[in-house]
Amino acid sequence: MPTSVAEVHNLFWTGFAQVGVAKILDSLRHLYVKDAQGCVNPFKIFIKFQFSSKFGYCFVGLFRKPYNVLFDEQQTVKLKHTYSMICNEKGKVLEISPSMSKLLRLKPREVDQLHSILPENFNICLFNRRELNFQRLNFNGQPSLFFKHIELDFVELKRLTSTLEII
């Protein structure tokens, strides 16, 4: 599970136990799952609340990795042709997908190392200060932004990583 979700995950269960109503049950959800290498991958999940005479009340979840990603409710793109980053509200890169790891030539642990040496952390605006400035991005009430095409500049990343010798 991505670190940012793991930090608040138990709050979801606490809320469910207090109120008895969960927003995630009986509906298809899209989320990220962390793999053994520390990269995040998009998944679809369906969770049900079941009763079993043997185990009592249980949560049953069905997970499936999607083959395609839907953009603008019209165009689908094969998952292997997408690149994902999870950022916080200030643009700090928290997690990367395997395809993004390959593109950046960075492993997830190396992303963590960059946070420790950069004064503003490893921020998404490093790749395109004009289009990826978090103060200017308009999320329109959504938790995610999708770009069909965006120019990325890796010069600064290359300079930083070459001085660290982490690549």
Protein backbone atom coordinates (compact mmCIF):
# COMPACT_ATOMS: atom_id res chain seq x y z
CA MET A 1 0.00 0.00 0.00
CA PRO A 2 1.39 3.47 -0.79
CA THR A 3 2.94 5.09 2.29
CA SER A 4 0.63 8.12 2.22
CA VAL A 5 -2.40 5.78 2.36
CA ALA A 6 -0.87 3.48 4.99
CA GLU A 7 -0.43 6.47 7.32
CA VAL A 8 -4.21 7.10 7.41
CA HIS A 9 -5.56 3.64 6.59
CA ASN A 10 -6.62 2.80 10.14
CA LEU A 11 -8.64 6.03 10.27
CA PHE A 12 -10.93 4.56 7.58
CA TRP A 13 -11.55 1.47 9.71
CA THR A 14 -12.07 3.56 12.84
CA GLY A 15 -14.62 5.70 11.00
CA PHE A 16 -16.41 2.59 9.77
CA ALA A 17 -16.52 1.08 13.28
CA GLN A 18 -17.97 4.30 14.77
CA VAL A 19 -20.55 5.07 12.08
CA GLY A 20 -21.17 1.65 10.54
CA VAL A 21 -21.24 3.06 7.01
CA ALA A 22 -18.30 2.75 4.65
CA LYS A 23 -17.99 4.62 1.39
CA ILE A 24 -15.77 1.97 -0.18
CA LEU A 25 -18.06 -1.04 0.17
CA ASP A 26 -20.03 -2.48 -2.75
CA SER A 27 -18.53 -0.17 -5.36
CA LEU A 28 -15.66 -0.42 -7.81
CA ARG A 29 -12.71 1.68 -6.66
CA HIS A 30 -9.48 2.61 -8.39
CA LEU A 31 -6.39 2.70 -6.22
CA TYR A 32 -2.66 2.03 -6.20
CA VAL A 33 -0.98 -1.07 -4.81
CA LYS A 34 2.70 -1.13 -3.89
CA ASP A 35 4.77 -4.01 -5.30
CA ALA A 36 7.81 -5.77 -3.78
CA GLN A 37 10.19 -3.28 -5.46
CA GLY A 38 8.37 -0.34 -3.86
CA CYS A 39 6.66 0.89 -7.04
CA VAL A 40 2.94 1.63 -7.19
CA ASN A 41 0.61 0.07 -9.75
CA PRO A 42 -2.99 1.04 -10.49
CA PHE A 43 -5.59 -1.55 -9.51
CA LYS A 44 -9.34 -1.93 -9.48
CA ILE A 45 -10.84 -3.22 -6.23
CA PHE A 46 -14.29 -4.29 -5.12
CA ILE A 47 -14.85 -4.82 -1.36
CA LYS A 48 -17.85 -6.51 0.24
CA PHE A 49 -18.81 -6.96 3.87
CA GLN A 50 -19.80 -10.61 4.37
CA PHE A 51 -20.95 -12.77 7.23
CA SER A 52 -19.53 -16.26 7.63
CA SER A 53 -20.72 -18.74 10.26
CA LYS A 54 -17.11 -19.83 10.69
CA PHE A 55 -15.38 -16.40 10.79
CA GLY A 56 -18.15 -13.92 11.63
CA TYR A 57 -18.14 -10.59 9.80
CA CYS A 58 -15.40 -10.31 7.19
CA PHE A 59 -14.28 -8.01 4.42
CA VAL A 60 -13.80 -9.70 1.07
CA GLY A 61 -11.84 -7.85 -1.60
CA LEU A 62 -11.36 -8.61 -5.27
CA PHE A 63 -8.33 -6.98 -6.92
CA ARG A 64 -7.59 -6.71 -10.62
CA LYS A 65 -4.84 -4.90 -12.46
CA PRO A 66 -6.40 -3.00 -15.38
CA TYR A 67 -5.11 -3.44 -18.92
CA ASN A 68 -6.15 0.05 -20.00
CA VAL A 69 -6.55 3.50 -18.47
CA LEU A 70 -9.51 5.64 -19.48
CA PHE A 71 -8.75 9.32 -20.20
CA ASP A 72 -11.50 11.93 -20.50
CA GLU A 73 -14.12 9.14 -20.56
CA GLN A 74 -13.37 8.66 -24.26
CA GLN A 75 -9.84 7.53 -24.99
CA THR A 76 -8.27 4.40 -23.53
CA VAL A 77 -4.51 3.93 -23.28
CA LYS A 78 -2.74 0.66 -22.56
CA LEU A 79 -1.48 0.66 -18.97
CA LYS A 80 2.06 -0.16 -20.11
CA HIS A 81 2.08 3.18 -22.00
CA THR A 82 1.28 5.26 -18.92
CA TYR A 83 3.54 6.76 -16.27
CA SER A 84 2.29 7.43 -12.74
CA MET A 85 3.50 9.50 -9.82
CA ILE A 86 1.73 10.04 -6.53
CA CYS A 87 2.42 13.49 -5.09
CA ASN A 88 1.32 15.32 -1.98
CA GLU A 89 -0.56 18.64 -2.05
CA LYS A 90 2.72 20.55 -2.55
CA GLY A 91 3.95 18.44 -5.47
CA LYS A 92 6.43 16.29 -3.51
CA VAL A 93 6.82 12.98 -5.37
CA LEU A 94 5.81 10.27 -2.89
CA GLU A 95 5.54 7.17 -5.08
CA ILE A 96 6.34 6.16 -8.67
CA SER A 97 5.09 3.42 -10.98
CA PRO A 98 7.44 0.84 -12.55
CA SER A 99 7.21 2.64 -15.91
CA MET A 100 8.07 5.97 -14.26
CA SER A 101 10.94 4.31 -12.39
CA LYS A 102 12.31 3.07 -15.71
CA LEU A 103 11.81 6.46 -17.41
CA LEU A 104 13.51 8.37 -14.56
CA ARG A 105 16.13 5.65 -14.09
CA LEU A 106 15.39 5.83 -10.37
CA LYS A 107 14.37 3.14 -7.93
CA PRO A 108 11.81 4.07 -5.24
CA ARG A 109 14.50 4.08 -2.53
CA GLU A 110 16.49 6.55 -4.63
CA VAL A 111 13.45 8.85 -4.73
CA ASP A 112 13.59 8.82 -0.91
CA GLN A 113 17.30 9.69 -1.04
CA LEU A 114 16.56 12.70 -3.24
CA HIS A 115 14.08 13.99 -0.65
CA SER A 116 16.78 14.03 1.98
CA ILE A 117 19.21 16.17 -0.06
CA LEU A 118 16.88 18.59 -1.85
CA PRO A 119 15.73 21.66 0.10
CA GLU A 120 12.23 21.51 -1.41
CA ASN A 121 12.19 17.71 -1.62
CA PHE A 122 11.91 15.82 -4.89
CA ASN A 123 9.11 17.84 -6.48
CA ILE A 124 7.18 17.18 -9.68
CA CYS A 125 7.80 20.74 -10.91
CA LEU A 126 11.45 19.74 -11.35
CA PHE A 127 10.42 18.20 -14.70
CA ASN A 128 8.36 21.09 -16.07
CA ARG A 129 8.14 24.23 -13.94
CA ARG A 130 5.52 25.86 -16.16
CA GLU A 131 2.94 23.05 -16.53
CA LEU A 132 3.57 21.13 -13.29
CA ASN A 133 3.49 24.03 -10.83
CA PHE A 134 1.12 22.77 -8.10
CA GLN A 135 -0.02 26.28 -7.17
CA ARG A 136 -1.37 26.69 -10.72
CA LEU A 137 -2.77 23.20 -11.38
CA ASN A 138 -6.55 22.94 -11.39
CA PHE A 139 -7.77 19.64 -9.97
CA ASN A 140 -11.47 20.60 -10.31
CA GLY A 141 -12.31 18.74 -7.10
CA GLN A 142 -10.65 15.53 -8.34
CA PRO A 143 -7.75 13.81 -6.56
CA SER A 144 -5.90 13.10 -9.84
CA LEU A 145 -4.71 14.85 -12.96
CA PHE A 146 -4.09 13.12 -16.26
CA PHE A 147 -1.92 14.46 -19.05
CA LYS A 148 -2.18 12.89 -22.49
CA HIS A 149 1.05 14.60 -23.49
CA ILE A 150 3.49 16.70 -21.52
CA GLU A 151 7.07 17.68 -22.17
CA LEU A 152 9.45 16.69 -19.41
CA ASP A 153 12.93 18.03 -18.81
CA PHE A 154 15.35 15.62 -17.12
CA VAL A 155 18.41 17.90 -17.13
CA GLU A 156 18.07 18.94 -13.46
CA LEU A 157 17.38 15.37 -12.35
CA LYS A 158 20.42 14.12 -14.26
CA ARG A 159 22.59 16.80 -12.62
CA LEU A 160 21.33 15.92 -9.15
CA THR A 161 21.68 12.17 -9.54
CA SER A 162 25.12 12.38 -11.16
CA THR A 163 26.47 14.28 -8.15
CA LEU A 164 24.92 11.69 -5.84
CA GLU A 165 26.06 8.76 -7.96
CA ILE A 166 22.84 6.89 -7.17
CA ILE A 167 22.04 5.90 -10.75
